Protein backbone atom coordinates (compact mmCIF):
# COMPACT_ATOMS: atom_id res chain seq x y z
CA UNK A 1 23.88 -25.63 115.41
CA UNK A 2 22.51 -27.63 112.29
CA UNK A 3 19.47 -30.12 112.98
CA UNK A 4 18.55 -30.97 109.35
CA UNK A 5 19.78 -30.71 104.97
CA UNK A 6 17.51 -31.08 103.09
CA UNK A 7 19.09 -32.18 99.14
CA UNK A 8 17.53 -32.27 96.10
CA UNK A 9 19.14 -32.76 92.35
CA UNK A 10 21.88 -31.28 92.99
CA UNK A 11 25.01 -32.86 91.13
CA UNK A 12 24.91 -36.97 92.13
CA UNK A 13 22.22 -36.65 94.79
CA UNK A 14 18.81 -37.07 93.85
CA UNK A 15 17.33 -36.53 97.44
CA UNK A 16 18.91 -36.64 100.25
CA UNK A 17 18.13 -35.63 104.10
CA UNK A 18 20.80 -35.47 107.04
CA UNK A 19 19.66 -35.52 109.91
CA UNK A 20 22.78 -34.05 112.22
CA UNK A 21 23.50 -34.56 116.22
CA UNK A 22 25.62 -32.58 118.32
CA UNK A 23 28.81 -33.28 118.80
CA UNK A 24 31.18 -34.70 116.32
CA UNK A 25 29.17 -36.02 112.92
CA UNK A 26 31.34 -38.25 110.46
CA UNK A 27 30.81 -38.64 106.89
CA UNK A 28 31.83 -40.76 104.92
CA UNK A 29 31.65 -42.95 101.27
CA UNK A 30 33.41 -44.30 98.63
CA UNK A 31 35.60 -41.53 96.18
CA UNK A 32 32.89 -39.61 93.60
CA UNK A 33 29.99 -40.93 96.10
CA UNK A 34 28.45 -37.58 96.43
CA UNK A 35 30.07 -36.37 99.55
CA UNK A 36 31.25 -32.76 97.78
CA UNK A 37 27.80 -32.28 96.36
CA UNK A 38 27.14 -32.42 100.81
CA UNK A 39 29.47 -29.83 101.27
CA UNK A 40 28.24 -27.40 98.03
CA UNK A 41 24.98 -28.27 99.58
CA UNK A 42 26.24 -26.46 102.72
CA UNK A 43 27.63 -23.53 100.61
CA UNK A 44 24.88 -23.02 99.05
CA UNK A 45 22.88 -22.37 102.41
CA UNK A 46 26.18 -20.12 103.88
CA UNK A 47 25.31 -17.89 100.70
CA UNK A 48 28.35 -19.31 98.03
CA UNK A 49 28.08 -18.29 94.69
CA UNK A 50 25.60 -20.85 92.55
CA UNK A 51 27.07 -23.08 89.89
CA UNK A 52 23.95 -24.43 87.58
CA UNK A 53 26.18 -26.72 87.04
CA UNK A 54 25.86 -28.34 89.97
CA UNK A 55 21.78 -29.37 88.87
CA UNK A 56 21.20 -32.80 88.87
CA UNK A 57 20.70 -34.09 84.87
CA UNK A 58 17.56 -33.27 83.69
CA UNK A 59 15.96 -31.23 86.29
CA UNK A 60 15.03 -28.09 86.65
CA UNK A 61 16.59 -27.34 90.08
CA UNK A 62 18.32 -28.14 92.76
CA UNK A 63 17.62 -26.80 96.27
CA UNK A 64 18.78 -27.08 99.77
CA UNK A 65 17.31 -26.49 102.90
CA UNK A 66 19.09 -25.95 106.08
CA UNK A 67 17.42 -26.32 109.50
CA UNK A 68 19.20 -24.55 112.83
CA UNK A 69 18.79 -24.61 116.18
CA UNK A 70 20.03 -21.66 118.01
CA UNK A 71 19.99 -20.98 121.84
CA UNK A 72 18.26 -17.94 122.38
CA UNK A 73 20.29 -17.03 125.20
CA UNK A 74 23.68 -16.57 122.91
CA UNK A 75 25.48 -13.79 121.35
CA UNK A 76 25.37 -15.69 117.57
CA UNK A 77 21.35 -15.79 118.05
CA UNK A 78 21.56 -12.40 119.23
CA UNK A 79 23.81 -10.75 115.88
CA UNK A 80 21.45 -13.18 113.91
CA UNK A 81 18.27 -11.63 115.00
CA UNK A 82 19.39 -8.59 114.90
CA UNK A 83 20.79 -8.87 111.07
CA UNK A 84 17.25 -10.51 110.50
CA UNK A 85 15.26 -7.52 111.96
CA UNK A 86 17.20 -4.77 109.90
CA UNK A 87 16.39 -7.34 106.74
CA UNK A 88 12.98 -7.37 107.94
CA UNK A 89 12.66 -10.88 107.76
CA UNK A 90 11.04 -12.78 110.20
CA UNK A 91 12.13 -15.39 112.74
CA UNK A 92 12.14 -16.97 116.19
CA UNK A 93 15.20 -16.59 118.08
CA UNK A 94 15.87 -20.70 118.34
CA UNK A 95 15.17 -21.64 114.76
CA UNK A 96 16.04 -20.59 111.58
CA UNK A 97 15.09 -22.23 108.32
CA UNK A 98 17.31 -21.58 105.39
CA UNK A 99 16.85 -22.54 101.77
CA UNK A 100 18.13 -22.17 98.40
CA UNK A 101 17.26 -23.11 94.53
CA UNK A 102 19.52 -23.20 92.34
CA UNK A 103 18.36 -23.21 88.69
CA UNK A 104 19.59 -24.98 85.50
CA UNK A 105 19.65 -21.36 83.46
CA UNK A 106 22.08 -20.59 86.18
CA UNK A 107 19.28 -18.54 88.18
CA UNK A 108 19.50 -18.82 91.99
CA UNK A 109 17.01 -18.06 94.93
CA UNK A 110 17.03 -17.86 98.74
CA UNK A 111 14.87 -17.30 101.73
CA UNK A 112 14.79 -17.42 104.86
CA UNK A 113 11.98 -18.55 106.90
CA UNK A 114 10.34 -18.62 104.06
CA UNK A 115 11.11 -14.81 102.91
CA UNK A 116 13.55 -14.69 99.89
CA UNK A 117 16.77 -12.46 100.34
CA UNK A 118 19.69 -11.52 98.81
CA UNK A 119 22.39 -14.58 98.63
CA UNK A 120 24.28 -11.48 100.24
CA UNK A 121 22.32 -12.34 103.98
CA UNK A 122 22.98 -15.53 103.74
CA UNK A 123 27.18 -15.07 103.33
CA UNK A 124 27.00 -12.61 106.46
CA UNK A 125 25.18 -15.58 109.06
CA UNK A 126 27.10 -18.25 107.51
CA UNK A 127 29.78 -16.37 109.14
CA UNK A 128 28.40 -15.93 112.31
CA UNK A 129 26.94 -19.21 112.28
CA UNK A 130 29.59 -21.33 110.52
CA UNK A 131 33.29 -22.23 110.30
CA UNK A 132 34.52 -24.33 107.18
CA UNK A 133 37.77 -25.22 107.13
CA UNK A 134 38.26 -26.90 103.60
CA UNK A 135 40.78 -26.70 100.80
CA UNK A 136 39.53 -22.94 99.64
CA UNK A 137 37.98 -21.65 103.29
CA UNK A 138 41.08 -22.74 105.99
CA UNK A 139 41.40 -19.45 106.93
CA UNK A 140 39.10 -18.51 109.33
CA UNK A 141 42.41 -16.48 110.85
CA UNK A 142 43.59 -14.94 107.61
CA UNK A 143 43.21 -11.11 108.98
CA UNK A 144 44.69 -9.55 111.88
CA UNK A 145 41.36 -7.90 112.96
CA UNK A 146 40.52 -11.53 113.13
CA UNK A 147 43.75 -13.11 114.69
CA UNK A 148 43.34 -10.68 117.57
CA UNK A 149 39.65 -11.15 118.32
CA UNK A 150 40.70 -14.99 118.86
CA UNK A 151 43.81 -14.14 120.64
CA UNK A 152 42.12 -11.34 123.54
CA UNK A 153 39.22 -14.15 123.49
CA UNK A 154 41.62 -16.59 124.82
CA UNK A 155 43.20 -13.77 126.90
CA UNK A 156 39.61 -14.48 129.17
CA UNK A 157 37.24 -12.31 130.71
CA UNK A 158 39.92 -9.31 131.98
CA UNK A 159 41.21 -9.00 128.65
CA UNK A 160 37.72 -7.80 127.14
CA UNK A 161 36.54 -6.21 130.88
CA UNK A 162 39.98 -4.30 130.55
CA UNK A 163 39.49 -4.17 126.73
CA UNK A 164 35.65 -2.70 127.23
CA UNK A 165 36.99 0.04 129.40
CA UNK A 166 39.94 1.12 127.51
CA UNK A 167 37.27 2.00 124.30
CA UNK A 168 35.36 3.82 126.21
CA UNK A 169 38.55 5.86 127.58
CA UNK A 170 39.79 5.63 123.78
CA UNK A 171 36.31 7.12 122.20
CA UNK A 172 35.93 9.79 124.67
CA UNK A 173 39.51 10.67 124.13
CA UNK A 174 38.85 10.68 120.57
CA UNK A 175 36.31 12.86 121.01
CA UNK A 176 38.12 15.40 122.95
CA UNK A 177 40.77 15.73 120.72
CA UNK A 178 38.55 15.79 118.09
CA UNK A 179 36.67 18.87 119.59
CA UNK A 180 40.20 20.89 120.54
CA UNK A 181 41.41 20.81 116.60
CA UNK A 182 37.90 22.26 115.86
CA UNK A 183 38.68 24.81 118.66
CA UNK A 184 42.16 25.58 117.17
CA UNK A 185 40.94 25.32 113.31
CA UNK A 186 38.87 27.93 113.64
CA UNK A 187 41.15 30.10 115.78
CA UNK A 188 41.27 32.39 113.45
CA UNK A 189 37.21 32.53 112.34
CA UNK A 190 36.72 33.69 115.60
CA UNK A 191 39.16 36.23 115.98
CA UNK A 192 36.95 37.64 113.12
CA UNK A 193 33.75 36.97 115.05
CA UNK A 194 34.74 39.19 118.41
CA UNK A 195 36.01 41.85 116.39
CA UNK A 196 33.21 41.73 114.78
CA UNK A 197 30.75 41.55 117.55
CA UNK A 198 32.77 43.95 119.17
CA UNK A 199 32.29 46.78 117.04
CA UNK A 200 28.59 45.78 117.06
CA UNK A 201 28.24 46.24 120.75
CA UNK A 202 30.35 49.09 121.00
CA UNK A 203 28.14 50.57 118.30
CA UNK A 204 24.60 49.77 120.58
CA UNK A 205 25.88 50.82 123.81
CA UNK A 206 27.04 53.97 122.80
CA UNK A 207 23.32 53.94 120.81
CA UNK A 208 21.49 52.32 124.39
CA UNK A 209 18.41 51.75 122.59
CA UNK A 210 15.83 51.64 126.03
CA UNK A 211 12.36 49.66 125.38
CA UNK A 212 9.77 51.39 123.65
CA UNK A 213 11.69 54.44 122.55
CA UNK A 214 11.14 54.00 119.03
CA UNK A 215 7.27 54.50 120.23
CA UNK A 216 7.54 57.49 122.68
CA UNK A 217 9.68 59.49 119.88
CA UNK A 218 7.06 58.57 117.63
CA UNK A 219 4.40 60.58 119.12
CA UNK A 220 6.55 63.63 119.97
CA UNK A 221 7.18 63.95 115.94
CA UNK A 222 3.97 64.02 115.60
CA UNK A 223 3.10 66.35 118.49
CA UNK A 224 5.93 68.71 117.40
CA UNK A 225 4.19 69.06 113.65
CA UNK A 226 1.37 69.90 114.99
CA UNK A 227 2.64 71.88 118.36
CA UNK A 228 1.11 74.93 116.74
CA UNK A 229 -2.60 73.08 115.92
CA UNK A 230 -2.68 71.25 119.59
CA UNK A 231 -1.51 74.89 121.51
CA UNK A 232 -4.07 76.72 120.10
CA UNK A 233 -6.77 74.46 120.53
CA UNK A 234 -5.87 73.63 124.07
CA UNK A 235 -5.76 77.27 124.77
CA UNK A 236 -8.92 77.84 123.61
CA UNK A 237 -10.86 75.42 125.98
CA UNK A 238 -8.94 76.12 128.59
CA UNK A 239 -10.22 79.66 128.27
CA UNK A 240 -13.94 78.42 127.57
CA UNK A 241 -13.33 76.14 130.73
CA UNK A 242 -11.80 79.04 132.61
CA UNK A 243 -10.55 82.56 132.17
CA UNK A 244 -10.27 86.37 133.21
CA UNK A 245 -10.21 87.19 129.95
CA UNK A 246 -13.63 86.30 128.36
CA UNK A 247 -14.99 89.83 129.58
CA UNK A 248 -18.68 90.27 129.99
CA UNK A 249 -18.84 86.72 128.92
CA UNK A 250 -18.23 84.55 131.18
CA UNK A 251 -16.90 81.06 131.75
CA UNK A 252 -18.17 77.54 132.12
CA UNK A 253 -16.70 77.51 135.78
CA UNK A 254 -18.71 81.16 136.02
CA UNK A 255 -21.99 79.96 134.51
CA UNK A 256 -21.93 76.66 136.79
CA UNK A 257 -21.61 78.55 139.85
CA UNK A 258 -24.11 80.80 139.20
CA UNK A 259 -26.56 77.92 137.63
CA UNK A 260 -25.79 76.30 140.90
CA UNK A 261 -26.32 78.79 143.62
CA UNK A 262 -29.84 79.87 141.47
CA UNK A 263 -30.32 76.30 142.55
CA UNK A 264 -29.76 76.13 146.09
CA UNK A 265 -31.59 79.34 146.03
CA UNK A 266 -34.61 78.15 145.14
CA UNK A 267 -34.32 74.53 146.62
CA UNK A 268 -35.45 76.20 149.93
CA UNK A 269 -38.76 76.54 148.57
CA UNK A 270 -38.76 73.40 146.39
CA UNK A 271 -36.30 70.35 147.49
CA UNK A 272 -36.26 68.95 143.73
CA UNK A 273 -33.95 70.92 143.16
CA UNK A 274 -31.78 69.74 145.72
CA UNK A 275 -29.66 66.94 143.88
CA UNK A 276 -30.14 69.07 140.79
CA UNK A 277 -27.94 72.04 142.64
CA UNK A 278 -25.56 68.41 143.54
CA UNK A 279 -25.53 67.53 140.12
CA UNK A 280 -23.58 71.27 139.09
CA UNK A 281 -21.76 70.73 141.75
CA UNK A 282 -20.16 67.94 140.74
CA UNK A 283 -20.36 69.72 137.04
CA UNK A 284 -17.89 72.10 138.41
CA UNK A 285 -15.28 70.00 140.10
CA UNK A 286 -15.32 68.01 136.98
CA UNK A 287 -14.37 71.50 134.58
CA UNK A 288 -12.40 72.80 136.96
CA UNK A 289 -10.46 69.44 136.90
CA UNK A 290 -10.26 69.06 132.56
CA UNK A 291 -9.37 72.70 132.79
CA UNK A 292 -6.27 72.21 135.21
CA UNK A 293 -4.89 68.99 132.77
CA UNK A 294 -5.04 71.58 129.94
CA UNK A 295 -2.74 73.65 132.05
CA UNK A 296 -0.69 70.44 132.23
CA UNK A 297 -1.39 70.03 128.79
CA UNK A 298 0.07 73.28 128.03
CA UNK A 299 2.97 73.57 130.07
CA UNK A 300 4.00 70.00 128.72
CA UNK A 301 3.67 71.71 124.98
CA UNK A 302 6.76 74.13 126.47
CA UNK A 303 8.59 71.18 127.16
CA UNK A 304 8.37 69.75 124.57
CA UNK A 305 8.68 73.06 122.50
CA UNK A 306 12.42 72.72 123.76
CA UNK A 307 13.69 69.95 121.91
CA UNK A 308 13.81 70.25 118.74
CA UNK A 309 12.03 68.42 115.97
CA UNK A 310 15.26 67.61 114.12
CA UNK A 311 16.72 65.71 117.53
CA UNK A 312 13.89 64.03 117.83
CA UNK A 313 13.77 62.67 114.69
CA UNK A 314 17.97 62.69 114.39
CA UNK A 315 17.36 59.77 117.10
CA UNK A 316 14.64 58.18 115.50
CA UNK A 317 16.98 57.29 111.93
CA UNK A 318 19.98 56.22 114.74
CA UNK A 319 17.04 53.41 115.82
CA UNK A 320 15.83 52.76 112.42
CA UNK A 321 19.20 51.88 111.47
CA UNK A 322 19.39 49.19 114.68
CA UNK A 323 16.48 48.19 113.52
CA UNK A 324 17.45 47.54 110.03
CA UNK A 325 20.43 45.69 111.03
CA UNK A 326 19.48 43.59 114.57
CA UNK A 327 16.11 43.30 114.25
CA UNK A 328 13.01 43.74 112.73
CA UNK A 329 11.99 45.74 115.98
CA UNK A 330 13.18 47.33 118.94
CA UNK A 331 12.92 44.78 120.77
CA UNK A 332 14.92 42.31 118.83
CA UNK A 333 17.64 45.12 118.72
CA UNK A 334 17.63 45.04 122.43
CA UNK A 335 17.76 41.25 122.94
CA UNK A 336 20.28 40.82 120.56
CA UNK A 337 22.87 43.37 122.18
CA UNK A 338 22.39 41.02 125.27
CA UNK A 339 23.58 37.53 123.03
CA UNK A 340 25.81 38.99 121.53
CA UNK A 341 27.82 40.62 124.81
CA UNK A 342 26.94 37.30 125.61
CA UNK A 343 28.53 35.52 122.85
CA UNK A 344 31.49 37.61 123.09
CA UNK A 345 32.25 36.34 126.85
CA UNK A 346 32.21 32.55 125.13
CA UNK A 347 34.73 33.64 122.57
CA UNK A 348 37.04 35.73 124.95
CA UNK A 349 37.34 32.60 126.91
CA UNK A 350 37.79 29.85 123.48
CA UNK A 351 41.73 30.21 124.39
CA UNK A 352 41.17 29.13 127.89
CA UNK A 353 39.04 26.06 126.61
CA UNK A 354 41.63 25.58 124.28
CA UNK A 355 44.64 25.72 127.08
CA UNK A 356 42.89 23.75 129.38
CA UNK A 357 41.10 20.82 126.73
CA UNK A 358 45.04 20.54 125.43
CA UNK A 359 46.29 19.88 129.40
CA UNK A 360 43.00 17.17 129.40
CA UNK A 361 43.67 15.61 125.85
CA UNK A 362 47.55 14.69 126.87
CA UNK A 363 46.02 13.66 130.35
CA UNK A 364 43.89 11.33 128.56
CA UNK A 365 46.38 10.17 126.20
CA UNK A 366 48.59 9.71 128.84
CA UNK A 367 46.91 7.16 131.06
CA UNK A 368 44.72 5.83 127.73
CA UNK A 369 49.24 4.65 126.84
CA UNK A 370 49.10 3.66 130.07
CA UNK A 371 46.30 1.42 130.00
CA UNK A 372 47.30 -0.14 126.19
CA UNK A 373 50.33 -1.48 128.48
CA UNK A 374 48.76 -3.51 130.76
CA UNK A 375 46.72 -5.23 127.57
CA UNK A 376 50.52 -4.78 125.99
CA UNK A 377 51.19 -7.80 128.51
CA UNK A 378 48.13 -9.70 129.14
CA UNK A 379 48.46 -10.55 125.54
CA UNK A 380 52.24 -11.34 125.52
CA UNK A 381 51.03 -13.78 128.35
CA UNK A 382 48.34 -15.19 126.56
CA UNK A 383 50.37 -15.17 123.04
CA UNK A 384 52.68 -17.15 124.57
CA UNK A 385 50.19 -19.55 126.48
CA UNK A 386 48.78 -19.97 122.73
CA UNK A 387 51.49 -20.94 121.00
CA UNK A 388 52.72 -24.00 123.32
CA UNK A 389 48.68 -25.23 123.19
CA UNK A 390 49.17 -25.06 119.64
CA UNK A 391 52.50 -26.15 118.99
CA UNK A 392 51.77 -28.99 121.60
CA UNK A 393 48.69 -30.13 119.19
CA UNK A 394 50.53 -29.80 115.91
CA UNK A 395 53.27 -32.67 117.26
CA UNK A 396 50.03 -34.84 118.73
CA UNK A 397 48.93 -34.30 114.84
CA UNK A 398 52.00 -35.66 113.05
CA UNK A 399 53.73 -31.89 112.52
CA UNK A 400 56.67 -32.57 115.09
CA UNK A 401 58.45 -29.27 113.35
CA UNK A 402 55.62 -27.28 113.44
CA UNK A 403 55.87 -23.75 116.04
CA UNK A 404 53.12 -21.83 116.31
CA UNK A 405 54.40 -17.95 117.18
CA UNK A 406 51.98 -15.52 118.61
CA UNK A 407 53.97 -11.82 117.63
CA UNK A 408 52.37 -8.85 119.87
CA UNK A 409 54.42 -5.74 118.76
CA UNK A 410 53.57 -2.04 118.91
CA UNK A 411 51.84 -0.20 116.79
CA UNK A 412 50.52 2.89 117.58
CA UNK A 413 47.86 3.65 119.77
CA UNK A 414 44.05 2.56 118.24
CA UNK A 415 39.87 1.77 119.51
CA UNK A 416 42.00 -2.07 120.61
CA UNK A 417 44.84 -0.96 122.24
CA UNK A 418 48.48 -0.44 121.39
CA UNK A 419 49.33 -3.83 119.65
CA UNK A 420 49.41 -5.23 116.37
CA UNK A 421 49.55 -9.26 116.24
CA UNK A 422 50.89 -11.91 113.97
CA UNK A 423 49.59 -15.77 114.64
CA UNK A 424 52.45 -17.55 112.75
CA UNK A 425 53.86 -20.41 111.43
CA UNK A 426 57.74 -22.08 111.51
CA UNK A 427 56.94 -25.05 110.07
CA UNK A 428 60.61 -26.88 110.93
CA UNK A 429 62.93 -26.80 114.04
CA UNK A 430 64.88 -23.31 113.10
CA UNK A 431 62.46 -22.56 109.73
CA UNK A 432 61.52 -18.67 109.68
CA UNK A 433 57.77 -18.13 111.03
CA UNK A 434 55.87 -17.60 108.44
CA UNK A 435 51.90 -16.02 107.98
CA UNK A 436 49.05 -18.98 108.09
CA UNK A 437 48.76 -21.11 105.17
CA UNK A 438 52.09 -19.93 104.02
CA UNK A 439 53.55 -23.15 102.74
CA UNK A 440 51.00 -25.86 103.98
CA UNK A 441 48.81 -28.00 102.49
CA UNK A 442 45.21 -27.96 101.77
CA UNK A 443 45.59 -31.29 104.59
CA UNK A 444 47.90 -29.58 107.02
CA UNK A 445 46.11 -26.06 106.60
CA UNK A 446 43.34 -27.90 107.95
CA UNK A 447 45.04 -29.96 111.27
CA UNK A 448 47.03 -26.39 111.87
CA UNK A 449 43.65 -24.86 111.99
CA UNK A 450 42.32 -27.49 114.11
CA UNK A 451 44.87 -27.27 116.24
CA UNK A 452 43.86 -23.90 116.81
CA UNK A 453 40.44 -24.22 116.97
CA UNK A 454 40.95 -27.01 119.12
CA UNK A 455 42.60 -24.51 122.26
CA UNK A 456 40.57 -21.31 121.13
CA UNK A 457 37.89 -23.48 122.74
CA UNK A 458 38.21 -23.27 125.81
CA UNK A 459 37.43 -20.28 126.39
CA UNK A 460 34.79 -18.92 124.28
CA UNK A 461 31.36 -20.09 122.88
CA UNK A 462 31.64 -21.75 119.06
CA UNK A 463 29.26 -22.20 115.93
CA UNK A 464 29.14 -24.94 113.99
CA UNK A 465 32.84 -26.39 112.25
CA UNK A 466 33.10 -28.11 108.99
CA UNK A 467 36.53 -29.74 108.23
CA UNK A 468 37.30 -31.55 105.24
CA UNK A 469 40.92 -32.38 104.23
CA UNK A 470 41.55 -32.56 107.66
CA UNK A 471 43.58 -36.17 107.66
CA UNK A 472 45.38 -35.80 103.83
CA UNK A 473 48.57 -37.20 104.20
CA UNK A 474 48.19 -38.76 107.62
CA UNK A 475 47.24 -42.26 109.16
CA UNK A 476 48.20 -44.72 111.89
CA UNK A 477 49.05 -42.65 115.27
CA UNK A 478 48.17 -39.50 114.10
CA UNK A 479 45.10 -40.04 112.49
CA UNK A 480 43.84 -41.13 115.94
CA UNK A 481 44.96 -38.16 117.66
CA UNK A 482 43.20 -36.37 114.94
CA UNK A 483 40.31 -37.81 115.85
CA UNK A 484 40.48 -36.93 119.48
CA UNK A 485 41.15 -33.24 118.79
CA UNK A 486 38.29 -33.71 116.65
CA UNK A 487 35.34 -35.38 119.36
CA UNK A 488 37.67 -33.25 121.99
CA UNK A 489 36.57 -29.48 119.58
CA UNK A 490 32.95 -31.03 119.48
CA UNK A 491 31.91 -30.65 123.73
CA UNK A 492 32.46 -26.84 123.38
CA UNK A 493 30.66 -26.88 119.79
CA UNK A 494 29.05 -29.17 116.71
CA UNK A 495 31.76 -30.12 113.98
CA UNK A 496 31.21 -31.64 111.14
CA UNK A 497 33.93 -33.89 109.52
CA UNK A 498 34.35 -35.22 105.61
CA UNK A 499 37.13 -38.09 106.18
CA UNK A 500 38.50 -41.21 104.15
CA UNK A 501 39.91 -42.27 107.73
CA UNK A 502 38.45 -44.69 110.36
CA UNK A 503 40.41 -43.71 112.89
CA UNK A 504 39.33 -40.25 112.45
CA UNK A 505 35.48 -41.20 112.10
CA UNK A 506 35.67 -43.74 114.74
CA UNK A 507 35.59 -40.95 117.18
CA UNK A 508 31.88 -39.26 115.73
CA UNK A 509 28.70 -39.17 117.65
CA UNK A 510 26.92 -39.54 114.16
CA UNK A 511 28.95 -41.16 111.20
CA UNK A 512 27.07 -40.49 108.17
CA UNK A 513 27.39 -42.61 105.02
CA UNK A 514 26.98 -41.19 101.49
CA UNK A 515 25.98 -43.97 99.38
CA UNK A 516 26.24 -44.27 95.64
CA UNK A 517 23.85 -46.16 93.43
CA UNK A 518 23.80 -47.03 89.50
CA UNK A 519 20.53 -46.90 87.49
CA UNK A 520 20.00 -47.14 84.36
CA UNK A 521 22.12 -44.64 82.34
CA UNK A 522 21.96 -42.84 85.88
CA UNK A 523 24.06 -42.90 89.04
CA UNK A 524 22.72 -41.35 91.92
CA UNK A 525 23.82 -40.60 96.06
CA UNK A 526 21.92 -41.24 98.95
CA UNK A 527 22.80 -40.99 102.71
CA UNK A 528 22.87 -43.31 105.58
CA UNK A 529 23.11 -42.55 109.23
CA UNK A 530 24.38 -45.68 110.31
CA UNK A 531 23.73 -47.92 113.20
CA UNK A 532 26.62 -49.61 115.32
CA UNK A 533 26.71 -52.50 113.52
CA UNK A 534 26.56 -50.65 110.05
CA UNK A 535 29.20 -48.84 111.60
CA UNK A 536 31.71 -51.27 112.18
CA UNK A 537 31.04 -52.37 108.67
CA UNK A 538 32.13 -49.12 107.09
CA UNK A 539 34.85 -48.23 109.69
CA UNK A 540 35.91 -52.28 108.40
CA UNK A 541 34.99 -50.87 104.63
CA UNK A 542 37.21 -47.55 104.78
CA UNK A 543 40.68 -50.01 106.64
CA UNK A 544 40.86 -52.30 103.62
CA UNK A 545 38.23 -51.55 101.11
CA UNK A 546 37.00 -54.93 101.89
CA UNK A 547 33.61 -54.42 104.33
CA UNK A 548 32.60 -58.18 105.09
CA UNK A 549 36.70 -58.95 105.49
CA UNK A 550 36.50 -60.53 109.31
CA UNK A 551 40.06 -59.92 109.87
CA UNK A 552 39.20 -56.15 108.83
CA UNK A 553 35.44 -56.21 110.91
CA UNK A 554 38.00 -57.13 113.62
CA UNK A 555 40.60 -54.37 113.09
CA UNK A 556 37.22 -52.04 113.25
CA UNK A 557 35.35 -53.54 116.24
CA UNK A 558 38.50 -53.02 117.88
CA UNK A 559 39.37 -48.97 117.17
CA UNK A 560 35.03 -48.84 117.57
CA UNK A 561 35.98 -49.82 120.99
CA UNK A 562 39.30 -47.73 121.67
CA UNK A 563 37.24 -44.68 120.79
CA UNK A 564 34.37 -45.76 123.19
CA UNK A 565 36.96 -45.90 125.90
CA UNK A 566 38.33 -43.10 126.03
CA UNK A 567 35.73 -40.90 124.60
CA UNK A 568 32.34 -42.54 125.96
CA UNK A 569 30.38 -40.09 123.95
CA UNK A 570 31.26 -41.26 120.77
């Protein structure tokens, strides 16, 4: 809700402070008094293009400041807060201060809560906070998307729940559909990949590498390359330890045995020889064990000799080739073999996945079609009710032959269902229904939008509405009906109306009058919040052009009392 607007040096307005309360605010004044400048000020706060010609003559710049009070729990406040957070602007959830400065040289500056921002950000926030119905900005519902949103909001919370579920299911269907297309598109590449993996696995299976085999083969190759030297050294050592071919020279085992026996013989005379004899006995056991191990090694050399060096090197070459392609280590080759097998299983099952996913996508589509049909039925019923209620409003607003038409026609399934929504107007009985705004004057279009907004306001939370020319071309009873409907709309939202008709202004909660004064060569305007007595005088002026006429005053007082009786808040 707009709480206050401060204007300085804009057009004929030197300085004005508008205190705008909740409900219905009427803005009146004589032609040329400066009402247009107030709308211009509002436009600047809403991000409209700045015009240096609007700067008051003789001044360097024009300034407009607006204070909005927000309901921190409302959806609009949350959306505004999210957008300000994205723009890195500090804000209070319950308050918003917007400023705009236009210099005489054409430069424009905008700020929110004293933080400089692009004018485009004001436009974005303005679309959430204010709806303007004026000479050039009648069509809040000009786009099919806006018309669909309005109809769905009018349909109530049941529609919101159905749409929410449908949109989630639609997203799941689209995701599954995209996955299916991806699988089908990549079928050829998957076939090529599976063929390549099969060939690789065939080669790996044939080679069948074992963990550590490359290191084992390297050791065997080293032994085979030096087998004679190894055999000679081992045989000589074995002969020295334990041999029957040494002739008169005893081997190590014999010498150790002889020495042990000599010590054992002397130990009977000197016990100190006993531990030495025991040590020689242990050395004999160890020497015999070493001799046995050497004998085993010589036997293994005979076994290695059965495997030629060429065979070992050929196997090593196979393993090295595998490591170059799938390695670099043999463990990585073995790991690749396992992962390739799993990948091949996945590729082989992809055809089954395609078939299964096709069935799933088809089933999801059938369910969506059923949901969309239910949404269509709700929209048809809501459209009929909306058209009937708005048509009744139009008849009361001096448009007796006009009929609102809400068309719900089939369309391809989309994120909002399977319907095209169009809100049309038939201007007279038997006339073809045409898009809103086609063939209607500015005043008629304001009344059309007023009728629609009054009906829609029953089902949703609303921003601030600004109406200009809503009373153009009407008077008398029709003007009173316009005033009543503006007052009704003001029960759901803040309404600001620029009007020339007393029958409209009488129903307002707050009445602001723009006064024009002349001083020297300058013309200035001010804005006054009228008291009850001043309101009657202004209503008299609007009725007859003579605020001091007793007859006009009596008529104005009667109108004022009528408005208060029907709308006690007025």
